[in-house]
Amino acid sequence: MKKIVLLLIVFLAFNANAQKVIKGTSKTAFKFKPTYERGIPPNLFVELNFEDDDRNGILESEESAKLILTITNKGNGPAQGLYITVKDDFYDSEFAINDKKEIAYIQKGKSVKVEIPIYAGVKVKSAEHKLKISVTEHFGYDMDPAYLYLNTLEYQKPKLVFSGLEIIDYGDGTGPITSDGQLQAGELVKAKITVQNIGQNISKNIKFKVYSKDENIYINNNKGSLGNLAIGEVKEFWIEISPNKRVKTKGKLPVFLSLTADKDFGNLINYRLPVTLNQKPPETAILKVSADIESLKKKVVRFESNSNKFTSQLGKIKKINEVAPSKTVRENSVAVIFGIENYDNLPPAPYAENDAELIKKYFKNRLGVEQVVIYNSNKANGLVFDDVFNPDYGELQKAIIKGKSDLFVFYSGHGLPSKCGESIYLFPSDGKIERLSMQGYSLDKFYTNLEKLGARSVTVFLDACFSGASKATEKINTKNLIAMKGVVIKPKYHQPWVNNNKFSVFTSSSGSQTSLGFDPSQSGLFTYYLCLGLQGDADINNDRKITNGELKNYLIKNVEATSKKILGLQTPEFHGNEDMILMEY
């Protein structure tokens, strides 16, 4: 009987524990290790990708990212017991990475995607991290390492400053003694206070407070919210101030301004305002401030490996040298192409001459242009632009039949802004910066003269940036052509596409961006995708026709995506009629 009871107790205890395991409540879990058997070796290949939250290729303060490995087994045997490890050569407690992943098996012909989270804390340091990526296999069929070069960027602080104060001593709500724009004892005036963010980041949820340490100075409406201030942005707010007759202070009154924002970065605390009795305040001073693009350009992510079994997210590079003819034929059409790579007084513009030769093929074979003329570095000098584009005596006016000829223009080379940022220029190979306005050809004159030529349609492609920096590639660093720090480039020029729906312009980048060269294709990045688009990749609806709109969308999507992965953001722009058909094939 005792044995039966004992067996029953054991059974009940075992059954209870089993129920706990099933329900997941047991502290003891069964973990089975996979068994590996030696056999035919695997053959591993990895595609590497990197994605950060804002997709600019830089890991900024409080930003998340992920390293993505797509591991494919192209061998005849299974890959077994894979370990993926990532080791950083730079220690930063604010830089966190999940540095180890394990995969039991990858069978023949199969792929597995592995995501490794990365995070930068609020106090992350600006530094380059060299992450060693290792993929090892249980039986030693390891891969050679690859490296991810990833730059972290410390929090770019805003900086709130006082910019100006104006005394308003007339109108409703004021009690002036004399309306002279000055503050007298015994008056009630309104004061307009102007503040600005001159830092390198947005300042969020700003609160203001104006106060005095003198009980004889009364201040109303002295607290409030300004919301956010972007880089360079200016805001104003109003207070009421009234010093009585007992104020004894000489010089600046003890009136103080504090501006506080989220995170306590860039705050302005206890700033003594220039409020003086019987004296006008200084003139308001606003600074020109823009994001310091130069500090970011070289900080984007890149992969390196000596093994051809690692590929990065750039994907497969397609051939653009072979150009099949399309159905499109344009009678009386004319094209002029500039490929200015070598400059006498400036750094080279990488691949510009190769761009010109490529586009000549596409103008002829895909767009059906009859006459195509190229100006390379040797020919594009002196007053070449006026010699070509002048509507009274230039070469084009001789070739164009007004109202019947379609005109195409392509330019690859340096574009330069004026120092004030209001004019931008095409530039000849022998030009000097000091003679920019004389030797350069402004876009205002360029577009004006193209319209005056009277062609039936005009289509322009510009693979040039106008940021004041030279073209860069993964192998060639950008260089400053004109000192432009702190200048916002907002050019003013004639815009014929506004009233002429047959005038179209495609540009390779926007604003203060740098247009990139693309080493794998030995061309401009914009030119590479322009060629692919005209091959047919831009034909989104597969109707065997390519419109301006289809080409625009294709260029923006692909140039943006690839530029982020090699050297920084580049966004093409388009002006014109999106429904206009460029070609049929």
Protein backbone atom coordinates (compact mmCIF):
# COMPACT_ATOMS: atom_id res chain seq x y z
CA MET A 1 0.00 0.00 0.00
CA LYS A 2 2.85 2.38 0.86
CA LYS A 3 4.42 1.77 -2.57
CA ILE A 4 1.16 2.63 -4.33
CA VAL A 5 0.82 5.88 -2.38
CA LEU A 6 4.46 6.80 -3.11
CA LEU A 7 4.03 6.12 -6.83
CA LEU A 8 0.87 8.20 -6.85
CA ILE A 9 2.68 11.14 -5.21
CA VAL A 10 5.53 10.94 -7.75
CA PHE A 11 3.05 10.76 -10.63
CA LEU A 12 1.09 13.76 -9.39
CA ALA A 13 4.27 15.81 -8.85
CA PHE A 14 5.56 14.93 -12.34
CA ASN A 15 2.19 15.70 -13.91
CA ALA A 16 2.00 19.08 -12.14
CA ASN A 17 5.50 20.02 -13.32
CA ALA A 18 4.65 18.91 -16.83
CA GLN A 19 1.58 21.15 -16.82
CA LYS A 20 3.77 24.07 -15.73
CA VAL A 21 6.18 23.46 -18.61
CA ILE A 22 3.32 23.30 -21.10
CA LYS A 23 1.88 26.56 -19.78
CA GLY A 24 5.30 28.22 -19.78
CA THR A 25 5.28 28.82 -16.04
CA SER A 26 8.18 26.60 -15.13
CA LYS A 27 11.49 28.25 -14.30
CA THR A 28 13.23 25.29 -15.89
CA ALA A 29 13.09 25.21 -19.71
CA PHE A 30 14.21 22.40 -21.96
CA LYS A 31 16.62 23.62 -24.67
CA PHE A 32 17.78 21.20 -27.31
CA LYS A 33 21.04 21.99 -29.07
CA PRO A 34 21.08 21.19 -32.77
CA THR A 35 23.30 18.37 -33.94
CA TYR A 36 25.70 19.00 -36.81
CA GLU A 37 27.10 16.42 -39.24
CA ARG A 38 30.12 16.92 -41.43
CA GLY A 39 29.40 16.62 -45.14
CA ILE A 40 29.49 18.60 -48.37
CA PRO A 41 30.59 22.18 -47.53
CA PRO A 42 28.36 25.22 -47.98
CA ASN A 43 29.26 28.28 -50.09
CA LEU A 44 28.11 31.45 -48.34
CA PHE A 45 27.39 34.86 -49.84
CA VAL A 46 26.16 37.93 -47.97
CA GLU A 47 24.41 41.09 -49.09
CA LEU A 48 24.92 43.93 -46.62
CA ASN A 49 22.46 46.73 -45.97
CA PHE A 50 22.26 49.58 -43.51
CA GLU A 51 19.15 51.57 -42.66
CA ASP A 52 18.92 54.47 -40.22
CA ASP A 53 15.72 56.20 -39.18
CA ASP A 54 16.13 59.31 -41.32
CA ARG A 55 17.94 57.40 -44.08
CA ASN A 56 20.79 59.89 -44.45
CA GLY A 57 23.60 57.39 -43.75
CA ILE A 58 24.62 59.04 -40.48
CA LEU A 59 23.69 57.82 -37.00
CA GLU A 60 22.68 60.91 -35.05
CA SER A 61 21.90 61.42 -31.40
CA GLU A 62 18.87 59.38 -30.27
CA GLU A 63 18.57 57.64 -33.63
CA SER A 64 18.06 53.94 -34.30
CA ALA A 65 19.43 51.92 -37.19
CA LYS A 66 19.90 48.34 -38.26
CA LEU A 67 22.58 46.38 -40.04
CA ILE A 68 20.91 43.85 -42.33
CA LEU A 69 22.68 40.73 -43.63
CA THR A 70 21.01 38.53 -46.20
CA ILE A 71 23.02 35.30 -46.08
CA THR A 72 22.64 32.93 -49.02
CA ASN A 73 24.03 29.39 -49.24
CA LYS A 74 24.99 28.68 -52.87
CA GLY A 75 26.87 25.49 -52.02
CA ASN A 76 25.72 21.86 -52.31
CA GLY A 77 25.80 21.21 -48.58
CA PRO A 78 24.05 22.87 -45.64
CA ALA A 79 25.58 25.71 -43.64
CA GLN A 80 25.52 24.70 -39.98
CA GLY A 81 26.01 26.52 -36.71
CA LEU A 82 26.48 30.03 -38.06
CA TYR A 83 27.58 32.83 -35.75
CA ILE A 84 27.36 36.45 -36.87
CA THR A 85 29.39 38.81 -34.71
CA VAL A 86 29.96 42.54 -34.97
CA LYS A 87 32.86 44.17 -33.15
CA ASP A 88 33.39 47.91 -32.84
CA ASP A 89 36.89 49.42 -32.78
CA PHE A 90 35.71 52.55 -30.93
CA TYR A 91 34.17 52.45 -27.46
CA ASP A 92 31.30 54.76 -26.67
CA SER A 93 28.88 53.86 -23.88
CA GLU A 94 26.15 55.71 -25.80
CA PHE A 95 26.62 53.55 -28.92
CA ALA A 96 24.74 50.28 -28.52
CA ILE A 97 24.78 47.33 -30.89
CA ASN A 98 23.36 43.83 -30.60
CA ASP A 99 26.66 42.24 -31.52
CA LYS A 100 25.88 38.52 -31.85
CA LYS A 101 23.37 36.40 -33.78
CA GLU A 102 23.11 32.64 -34.24
CA ILE A 103 21.62 30.59 -37.10
CA ALA A 104 21.33 26.81 -36.79
CA TYR A 105 21.05 25.89 -40.48
CA ILE A 106 20.87 27.40 -43.96
CA GLN A 107 20.04 24.71 -46.46
CA LYS A 108 21.31 24.55 -50.03
CA GLY A 109 19.91 27.38 -52.18
CA LYS A 110 18.22 29.11 -49.24
CA SER A 111 18.66 32.58 -47.73
CA VAL A 112 18.24 33.93 -44.24
CA LYS A 113 17.89 37.62 -43.31
CA VAL A 114 19.52 38.79 -40.09
CA GLU A 115 18.86 42.21 -38.57
CA ILE A 116 21.25 43.67 -36.02
CA PRO A 117 19.84 46.68 -34.13
CA ILE A 118 22.05 49.73 -33.50
CA TYR A 119 21.23 52.75 -31.36
CA ALA A 120 22.92 56.08 -30.58
CA GLY A 121 22.13 57.64 -27.22
CA VAL A 122 21.56 61.33 -26.57
CA LYS A 123 25.19 61.86 -25.52
CA VAL A 124 26.79 59.86 -28.34
CA LYS A 125 30.16 61.21 -29.50
CA SER A 126 30.97 62.27 -33.05
CA ALA A 127 33.25 59.49 -34.25
CA GLU A 128 33.86 56.95 -36.99
CA HIS A 129 33.09 53.38 -35.95
CA LYS A 130 34.75 50.56 -37.84
CA LEU A 131 32.51 47.56 -37.28
CA LYS A 132 34.05 44.20 -38.11
CA ILE A 133 31.39 41.81 -39.41
CA SER A 134 32.29 38.12 -39.07
CA VAL A 135 30.31 35.10 -40.24
CA THR A 136 31.65 31.80 -38.93
CA GLU A 137 30.42 28.23 -39.52
CA HIS A 138 30.55 25.24 -37.17
CA PHE A 139 32.89 23.20 -39.37
CA GLY A 140 35.16 26.12 -40.19
CA TYR A 141 33.68 27.22 -43.52
CA ASP A 142 33.98 30.80 -42.35
CA MET A 143 33.74 33.93 -44.46
CA ASP A 144 36.41 36.59 -44.69
CA PRO A 145 35.39 39.61 -42.61
CA ALA A 146 33.64 42.68 -43.95
CA TYR A 147 33.65 46.13 -42.41
CA LEU A 148 30.97 48.72 -41.87
CA TYR A 149 32.30 52.26 -41.51
CA LEU A 150 29.62 54.12 -39.63
CA ASN A 151 29.82 57.68 -38.36
CA THR A 152 27.96 58.83 -35.30
CA LEU A 153 27.13 62.50 -34.94
CA GLU A 154 26.83 64.07 -31.52
CA TYR A 155 23.78 66.16 -30.78
CA GLN A 156 24.03 69.32 -32.84
CA LYS A 157 22.96 71.99 -30.42
CA PRO A 158 20.59 74.83 -31.16
CA LYS A 159 21.64 78.24 -29.89
CA LEU A 160 19.02 80.78 -28.91
CA VAL A 161 20.07 84.43 -29.07
CA PHE A 162 18.50 87.84 -28.55
CA SER A 163 18.42 89.71 -31.87
CA GLY A 164 16.68 92.99 -31.20
CA LEU A 165 14.19 95.11 -29.31
CA GLU A 166 11.88 97.85 -30.53
CA ILE A 167 9.96 100.31 -28.33
CA ILE A 168 6.41 101.08 -29.50
CA ASP A 169 5.08 104.11 -27.62
CA TYR A 170 1.97 104.96 -29.58
CA GLY A 171 -1.43 103.41 -30.24
CA ASP A 172 -3.82 101.34 -28.15
CA GLY A 173 -2.49 99.83 -24.96
CA THR A 174 0.30 102.37 -24.50
CA GLY A 175 0.62 105.38 -22.19
CA PRO A 176 3.35 107.54 -23.68
CA ILE A 177 4.74 110.80 -22.38
CA THR A 178 6.52 111.43 -25.67
CA SER A 179 6.06 109.22 -28.77
CA ASP A 180 9.69 109.06 -29.80
CA GLY A 181 10.54 105.34 -29.80
CA GLN A 182 12.30 105.70 -26.46
CA LEU A 183 11.36 104.64 -22.94
CA GLN A 184 10.80 107.37 -20.36
CA ALA A 185 10.11 106.91 -16.66
CA GLY A 186 6.36 107.00 -16.11
CA GLU A 187 5.47 105.62 -19.55
CA LEU A 188 3.71 102.38 -20.46
CA VAL A 189 5.03 101.08 -23.78
CA LYS A 190 4.99 97.92 -25.81
CA ALA A 191 8.28 96.25 -26.61
CA LYS A 192 8.77 93.90 -29.54
CA ILE A 193 11.50 91.40 -28.77
CA THR A 194 13.14 89.45 -31.60
CA VAL A 195 15.01 86.18 -31.03
CA GLN A 196 16.75 83.73 -33.35
CA ASN A 197 18.16 80.20 -33.39
CA ILE A 198 21.72 80.43 -34.76
CA GLY A 199 22.66 76.86 -33.81
CA GLN A 200 22.78 73.68 -35.87
CA ASN A 201 19.58 71.97 -34.74
CA ILE A 202 15.95 72.76 -34.20
CA SER A 203 15.07 74.17 -30.79
CA LYS A 204 11.79 72.72 -29.55
CA ASN A 205 9.03 73.96 -27.24
CA ILE A 206 10.67 77.26 -26.35
CA LYS A 207 9.38 79.20 -23.37
CA PHE A 208 10.19 82.88 -22.80
CA LYS A 209 10.24 84.92 -19.62
CA VAL A 210 11.05 88.59 -19.20
CA TYR A 211 11.46 89.93 -15.67
CA SER A 212 13.06 92.70 -13.64
CA LYS A 213 14.88 92.73 -10.33
CA ASP A 214 13.64 96.25 -9.68
CA GLU A 215 10.18 96.45 -8.07
CA ASN A 216 9.71 99.86 -9.72
CA ILE A 217 9.67 98.32 -13.20
CA TYR A 218 6.37 96.69 -14.15
CA ILE A 219 6.27 94.08 -16.92
CA ASN A 220 3.10 92.50 -18.31
CA ASN A 221 2.64 89.58 -20.76
CA ASN A 222 6.11 88.54 -19.71
CA LYS A 223 5.72 84.76 -20.06
CA GLY A 224 4.73 82.60 -22.99
CA SER A 225 5.55 79.94 -25.55
CA LEU A 226 7.29 80.39 -28.91
CA GLY A 227 6.92 76.82 -30.14
CA ASN A 228 9.86 75.56 -32.22
CA LEU A 229 12.67 77.49 -33.90
CA ALA A 230 14.40 75.89 -36.89
CA ILE A 231 18.01 76.57 -37.88
CA GLY A 232 18.29 80.29 -38.62
CA GLU A 233 14.60 80.95 -37.87
CA VAL A 234 13.50 84.23 -36.28
CA LYS A 235 10.47 84.90 -34.03
CA GLU A 236 9.02 87.93 -32.30
CA PHE A 237 6.92 88.43 -29.19
CA TRP A 238 5.48 91.42 -27.38
CA ILE A 239 5.60 92.54 -23.76
CA GLU A 240 4.42 95.66 -21.92
CA ILE A 241 6.89 97.56 -19.77
CA SER A 242 6.44 100.55 -17.50
CA PRO A 243 9.17 102.02 -15.23
CA ASN A 244 7.78 104.38 -12.61
CA LYS A 245 9.33 107.66 -11.47
CA ARG A 246 11.29 105.96 -8.67
CA VAL A 247 13.64 104.06 -10.98
CA LYS A 248 17.23 105.03 -10.07
CA THR A 249 19.19 102.82 -12.48
CA LYS A 250 21.58 104.53 -14.85
CA GLY A 251 22.38 102.80 -18.14
CA LYS A 252 20.66 99.49 -18.90
CA LEU A 253 17.67 98.78 -16.74
CA PRO A 254 17.70 95.47 -14.80
CA VAL A 255 15.37 93.77 -17.27
CA PHE A 256 16.29 90.20 -18.17
CA LEU A 257 15.27 87.64 -20.80
CA SER A 258 15.39 83.87 -20.48
CA LEU A 259 14.64 81.41 -23.30
CA THR A 260 14.38 77.75 -22.35
CA ALA A 261 13.73 74.76 -24.61
CA ASP A 262 13.51 70.99 -24.41
CA LYS A 263 16.70 69.19 -23.34
CA ASP A 264 18.20 72.45 -22.02
CA PHE A 265 20.44 72.75 -25.08
CA GLY A 266 21.13 76.23 -26.44
CA ASN A 267 19.12 78.09 -23.83
CA LEU A 268 19.53 81.80 -23.20
CA ILE A 269 19.44 82.52 -19.47
CA ASN A 270 19.25 85.87 -17.65
CA TYR A 271 20.23 87.95 -20.67
CA ARG A 272 20.14 91.66 -19.81
CA LEU A 273 18.08 93.44 -22.44
CA PRO A 274 19.33 96.73 -23.91
CA VAL A 275 16.53 98.76 -22.30
CA THR A 276 17.78 102.22 -21.34
CA LEU A 277 15.74 105.25 -20.34
CA ASN A 278 15.57 108.09 -22.87
CA GLN A 279 17.51 106.12 -25.47
CA LYS A 280 16.53 104.09 -28.54
CA PRO A 281 17.57 100.41 -28.48
CA PRO A 282 20.17 99.19 -31.01
CA GLU A 283 18.99 98.07 -34.43
CA THR A 284 17.79 94.46 -34.72
CA ALA A 285 20.49 92.16 -36.13
CA ILE A 286 19.50 88.94 -37.93
CA LEU A 287 22.19 86.45 -38.95
CA LYS A 288 22.13 84.31 -42.08
CA VAL A 289 22.37 80.75 -40.80
CA SER A 290 21.94 77.42 -42.57
CA ALA A 291 22.76 73.80 -41.79
CA ASP A 292 26.50 73.18 -42.06
CA ILE A 293 26.28 70.62 -44.87
CA GLU A 294 30.06 70.42 -45.14
CA SER A 295 30.30 68.82 -41.69
CA LEU A 296 27.96 66.03 -42.76
CA LYS A 297 29.03 65.22 -46.31
CA LYS A 298 31.77 62.76 -45.49
CA LYS A 299 30.02 61.05 -42.60
CA VAL A 300 27.85 58.57 -44.43
CA VAL A 301 27.95 54.82 -44.07
CA ARG A 302 30.02 52.58 -46.32
CA PHE A 303 30.98 48.91 -46.51
CA GLU A 304 34.37 47.43 -47.33
CA SER A 305 35.51 43.86 -47.93
CA ASN A 306 38.28 42.10 -49.80
CA SER A 307 35.94 39.20 -50.54
CA ASN A 308 33.71 39.16 -53.60
CA LYS A 309 31.22 37.15 -51.55
CA PHE A 310 30.12 40.32 -49.79
CA THR A 311 28.00 42.82 -51.69
CA SER A 312 26.54 46.06 -50.35
CA GLN A 313 23.13 47.57 -50.79
CA LEU A 314 24.09 49.30 -54.01
CA GLY A 315 22.97 46.15 -55.73
CA LYS A 316 23.83 45.11 -59.25
CA ILE A 317 25.30 47.76 -61.53
CA LYS A 318 23.64 47.68 -64.95
CA LYS A 319 25.37 48.38 -68.24
CA ILE A 320 24.63 51.78 -69.73
CA ASN A 321 27.09 51.82 -72.63
CA GLU A 322 24.91 49.70 -74.90
CA VAL A 323 22.02 51.73 -76.31
CA ALA A 324 19.32 50.15 -78.46
CA PRO A 325 17.39 52.42 -80.87
CA SER A 326 13.82 53.40 -79.97
CA LYS A 327 10.84 54.14 -82.21
CA THR A 328 11.18 57.87 -81.63
CA VAL A 329 12.41 60.01 -84.54
CA ARG A 330 12.53 63.81 -84.28
CA GLU A 331 12.97 65.66 -87.56
CA ASN A 332 14.93 68.91 -87.45
CA SER A 333 15.94 68.22 -83.85
CA VAL A 334 19.18 69.56 -82.36
CA ALA A 335 21.17 68.73 -79.22
CA VAL A 336 24.20 70.35 -77.63
CA ILE A 337 26.16 68.53 -74.92
CA PHE A 338 28.77 69.92 -72.54
CA GLY A 339 31.09 67.54 -70.68
CA ILE A 340 33.63 69.73 -68.84
CA GLU A 341 35.80 67.51 -66.68
CA ASN A 342 39.18 69.25 -66.60
CA TYR A 343 39.43 72.86 -65.45
CA ASP A 344 42.51 75.07 -65.60
CA ASN A 345 41.88 76.67 -62.22
CA LEU A 346 39.53 74.28 -60.42
CA PRO A 347 39.53 70.62 -59.36
CA PRO A 348 38.19 68.18 -61.98
CA ALA A 349 34.51 67.33 -62.29
CA PRO A 350 34.68 63.49 -62.22
CA TYR A 351 33.41 61.59 -65.26
CA ALA A 352 31.94 64.68 -66.99
CA GLU A 353 33.46 63.83 -70.38
CA ASN A 354 32.28 60.23 -70.13
CA ASP A 355 28.81 61.59 -69.28
CA ALA A 356 28.86 63.58 -72.50
CA GLU A 357 29.78 60.59 -74.66
CA LEU A 358 27.09 58.44 -73.02
CA ILE A 359 24.36 61.05 -73.44
CA LYS A 360 25.25 61.54 -77.09
CA LYS A 361 24.30 57.89 -77.67
CA TYR A 362 21.03 58.25 -75.75
CA PHE A 363 20.07 61.50 -77.48
CA LYS A 364 20.58 59.85 -80.86
CA ASN A 365 19.32 56.32 -80.25
CA ARG A 366 16.61 56.81 -77.62
CA LEU A 367 15.36 60.37 -78.13
CA GLY A 368 15.82 60.32 -81.92
CA VAL A 369 17.78 63.58 -82.17
CA GLU A 370 19.19 64.31 -85.65
CA GLN A 371 22.12 66.62 -84.87
CA VAL A 372 24.21 66.21 -81.71
CA VAL A 373 27.28 68.35 -80.96
CA ILE A 374 29.65 67.76 -78.01
CA TYR A 375 31.83 70.33 -76.26
CA ASN A 376 34.43 68.64 -74.07
CA SER A 377 36.98 70.27 -71.75
CA ASN A 378 39.23 71.43 -74.57
CA LYS A 379 36.42 73.09 -76.53
CA ALA A 380 34.33 74.47 -73.68
CA ASN A 381 36.44 77.56 -72.95
CA GLY A 382 36.35 81.30 -73.41
CA LEU A 383 32.90 82.64 -74.30
CA VAL A 384 31.69 79.25 -75.51
CA PHE A 385 28.26 79.48 -73.87
CA ASP A 386 27.47 82.79 -75.53
CA ASP A 387 28.85 81.47 -78.82
CA VAL A 388 26.38 78.58 -78.61
CA PHE A 389 23.26 79.99 -76.92
CA ASN A 390 23.11 83.65 -77.96
CA PRO A 391 19.77 83.98 -79.80
CA ASP A 392 21.10 86.62 -82.21
CA TYR A 393 24.39 85.16 -83.41
CA GLY A 394 25.00 81.85 -81.59
CA GLU A 395 25.50 78.47 -83.26
CA LEU A 396 22.11 77.12 -82.18
CA GLN A 397 20.09 79.89 -83.78
CA LYS A 398 21.59 78.85 -87.10
CA ALA A 399 20.51 75.22 -86.65
CA ILE A 400 17.04 75.69 -85.19
CA ILE A 401 13.94 76.06 -87.37
CA LYS A 402 11.63 78.20 -85.24
CA GLY A 403 8.51 76.38 -84.17
CA LYS A 404 9.65 73.09 -85.74
CA SER A 405 12.92 72.01 -84.08
CA ASP A 406 13.10 70.17 -80.75
CA LEU A 407 16.13 71.29 -78.72
CA PHE A 408 17.95 69.17 -76.11
CA VAL A 409 20.75 70.42 -73.87
CA PHE A 410 22.91 68.41 -71.47
CA TYR A 411 25.54 69.85 -69.14
CA SER A 412 27.94 67.93 -66.90
CA GLY A 413 30.57 69.92 -65.05
CA HIS A 414 30.91 72.47 -62.28
CA GLY A 415 28.08 74.80 -61.41
CA LEU A 416 29.00 77.75 -59.24
CA PRO A 417 26.97 80.12 -57.04
CA SER A 418 27.67 83.78 -56.50
CA LYS A 419 28.84 84.69 -53.01
CA CYS A 420 25.42 86.07 -52.12
CA GLY A 421 23.72 82.88 -53.32
CA GLU A 422 21.32 84.69 -55.66
CA SER A 423 22.96 83.77 -58.99
CA ILE A 424 24.31 80.46 -60.25
CA TYR A 425 26.51 79.84 -63.25
CA LEU A 426 27.67 77.28 -65.77
CA PHE A 427 31.44 77.59 -65.95
CA PRO A 428 33.97 77.21 -68.80
CA SER A 429 37.11 75.11 -68.46
CA ASP A 430 39.45 78.13 -68.40
CA GLY A 431 37.34 80.26 -66.05
CA LYS A 432 38.62 81.90 -62.88
CA ILE A 433 36.54 82.22 -59.73
CA GLU A 434 37.50 85.88 -59.47
CA ARG A 435 35.80 86.47 -62.84
CA LEU A 436 32.72 84.40 -62.11
CA SER A 437 30.17 86.97 -63.26
CA MET A 438 32.19 87.71 -66.42
CA GLN A 439 33.23 84.21 -67.54
CA GLY A 440 30.37 82.21 -66.04
CA TYR A 441 27.04 81.86 -67.81
CA SER A 442 24.18 82.54 -65.40
CA LEU A 443 21.14 80.27 -65.41
CA ASP A 444 19.01 83.38 -65.81
CA LYS A 445 20.70 84.20 -69.12
CA PHE A 446 20.84 80.51 -70.07
CA TYR A 447 17.09 79.90 -69.71
CA THR A 448 16.18 83.29 -71.20
CA ASN A 449 18.25 82.70 -74.33
CA LEU A 450 17.03 79.12 -74.75
CA GLU A 451 13.47 80.41 -74.82
CA LYS A 452 14.36 83.18 -77.28
CA LEU A 453 15.72 80.61 -79.76
CA GLY A 454 12.12 79.74 -80.58
CA ALA A 455 12.40 75.95 -80.70
CA ARG A 456 9.18 73.91 -80.69
CA SER A 457 10.29 72.29 -77.41
CA VAL A 458 13.28 72.62 -75.09
CA THR A 459 14.50 69.86 -72.73
CA VAL A 460 17.47 70.51 -70.43
CA PHE A 461 19.45 68.06 -68.29
CA LEU A 462 21.96 69.48 -65.76
CA ASP A 463 24.29 67.05 -63.98
CA ALA A 464 25.91 69.72 -61.84
CA CYS A 465 25.51 71.09 -58.35
CA PHE A 466 25.54 74.74 -57.42
CA SER A 467 26.51 74.44 -53.75
CA GLY A 468 30.02 75.83 -54.13
CA ALA A 469 31.61 72.39 -53.75
CA SER A 470 33.13 70.13 -56.38
CA LYS A 471 31.59 66.82 -57.40
CA ALA A 472 32.52 63.95 -55.14
CA THR A 473 32.54 60.17 -55.45
CA GLU A 474 33.31 57.34 -53.05
CA LYS A 475 36.94 57.56 -54.21
CA ILE A 476 37.26 61.32 -54.75
CA ASN A 477 36.70 63.83 -51.96
CA THR A 478 34.69 66.99 -52.51
CA LYS A 479 36.54 70.31 -52.43
CA ASN A 480 35.35 73.82 -51.76
CA LEU A 481 35.25 75.93 -54.91
CA ILE A 482 33.80 79.04 -53.28
CA ALA A 483 33.59 79.83 -49.57
CA MET A 484 29.84 79.57 -48.94
CA LYS A 485 29.50 78.89 -45.21
CA GLY A 486 26.38 80.43 -43.73
CA VAL A 487 24.99 81.51 -47.11
CA VAL A 488 21.60 80.19 -48.17
CA ILE A 489 21.56 79.53 -51.91
CA LYS A 490 18.29 80.89 -53.28
CA PRO A 491 18.97 81.74 -56.92
CA LYS A 492 16.75 84.05 -58.92
CA TYR A 493 16.36 83.28 -62.61
CA HIS A 494 13.92 83.30 -65.49
CA GLN A 495 11.50 80.34 -65.40
CA PRO A 496 10.16 79.77 -68.92
CA TRP A 497 8.39 76.53 -67.93
CA VAL A 498 5.81 78.55 -66.01
CA ASN A 499 4.18 79.81 -69.23
CA ASN A 500 5.61 77.34 -71.75
CA ASN A 501 4.49 73.73 -71.25
CA LYS A 502 7.08 72.53 -73.76
CA PHE A 503 10.06 73.81 -71.76
CA SER A 504 11.39 71.14 -69.37
CA VAL A 505 14.36 71.09 -67.01
CA PHE A 506 15.83 68.13 -65.09
CA THR A 507 18.52 68.97 -62.52
CA SER A 508 20.68 66.47 -60.67
CA SER A 509 20.37 67.96 -57.17
CA SER A 510 18.58 70.61 -55.20
CA GLY A 511 19.44 73.42 -52.83
CA SER A 512 22.88 73.21 -51.27
CA GLN A 513 23.39 69.52 -52.10
CA THR A 514 26.41 68.10 -53.86
CA SER A 515 25.87 66.13 -57.06
CA LEU A 516 27.82 62.89 -56.95
CA GLY A 517 29.91 60.92 -59.37
CA PHE A 518 29.25 57.18 -59.50
CA ASP A 519 32.46 55.14 -59.58
CA PRO A 520 30.93 51.77 -60.62
CA SER A 521 29.53 53.22 -63.88
CA GLN A 522 32.28 55.84 -64.39
CA SER A 523 29.59 58.50 -64.76
CA GLY A 524 27.60 60.99 -62.76
CA LEU A 525 25.09 59.35 -60.43
CA PHE A 526 22.30 61.38 -62.07
CA THR A 527 23.57 60.46 -65.54
CA TYR A 528 23.66 56.77 -64.62
CA TYR A 529 19.99 56.71 -63.69
CA LEU A 530 19.07 59.03 -66.56
CA CYS A 531 20.50 56.43 -68.93
CA LEU A 532 18.73 53.54 -67.19
CA GLY A 533 15.49 55.49 -67.17
CA LEU A 534 15.73 56.08 -70.92
CA GLN A 535 16.53 52.39 -71.45
CA GLY A 536 13.01 51.73 -70.20
CA ASP A 537 13.38 51.42 -66.42
CA ALA A 538 11.37 54.63 -65.98
CA ASP A 539 8.37 53.19 -67.85
CA ILE A 540 6.31 52.57 -64.72
CA ASN A 541 3.03 51.64 -66.45
CA ASN A 542 4.75 49.52 -69.14
CA ASP A 543 3.02 51.28 -72.03
CA ARG A 544 6.30 51.50 -73.97
CA LYS A 545 6.30 55.27 -73.53
CA ILE A 546 8.30 57.42 -71.12
CA THR A 547 6.89 60.74 -69.98
CA ASN A 548 8.66 63.57 -68.17
CA GLY A 549 6.73 62.65 -65.05
CA GLU A 550 7.77 59.00 -65.17
CA LEU A 551 11.41 59.97 -65.66
CA LYS A 552 11.20 62.55 -62.86
CA ASN A 553 9.80 60.02 -60.38
CA TYR A 554 12.34 57.38 -61.40
CA LEU A 555 15.29 59.76 -61.03
CA ILE A 556 14.23 61.10 -57.63
CA LYS A 557 13.55 57.65 -56.19
CA ASN A 558 16.77 56.02 -57.37
CA VAL A 559 19.25 58.90 -57.10
CA GLU A 560 18.05 59.67 -53.57
CA ALA A 561 18.25 56.04 -52.46
CA THR A 562 21.73 55.43 -53.88
CA SER A 563 23.20 58.77 -52.84
CA LYS A 564 22.35 58.06 -49.20
CA LYS A 565 24.35 54.86 -49.39
CA ILE A 566 27.50 56.32 -50.87
CA LEU A 567 28.10 59.91 -49.77
CA GLY A 568 25.04 61.91 -48.72
CA LEU A 569 21.62 62.98 -49.90
CA GLN A 570 21.12 64.05 -53.53
CA THR A 571 17.61 64.86 -54.75
CA PRO A 572 16.98 65.62 -58.45
CA GLU A 573 14.43 68.26 -59.38
CA PHE A 574 12.13 68.74 -62.36
CA HIS A 575 10.37 71.78 -63.82
CA GLY A 576 7.92 71.47 -66.67
CA ASN A 577 5.04 69.47 -68.10
CA GLU A 578 4.99 65.99 -66.56
CA ASP A 579 2.60 64.62 -69.21
CA MET A 580 4.92 65.39 -72.13
CA ILE A 581 6.13 62.19 -73.84
CA LEU A 582 9.91 61.99 -74.15
CA MET A 583 10.14 58.79 -76.17
CA GLU A 584 8.44 55.61 -77.36
CA TYR A 585 10.20 52.30 -77.78
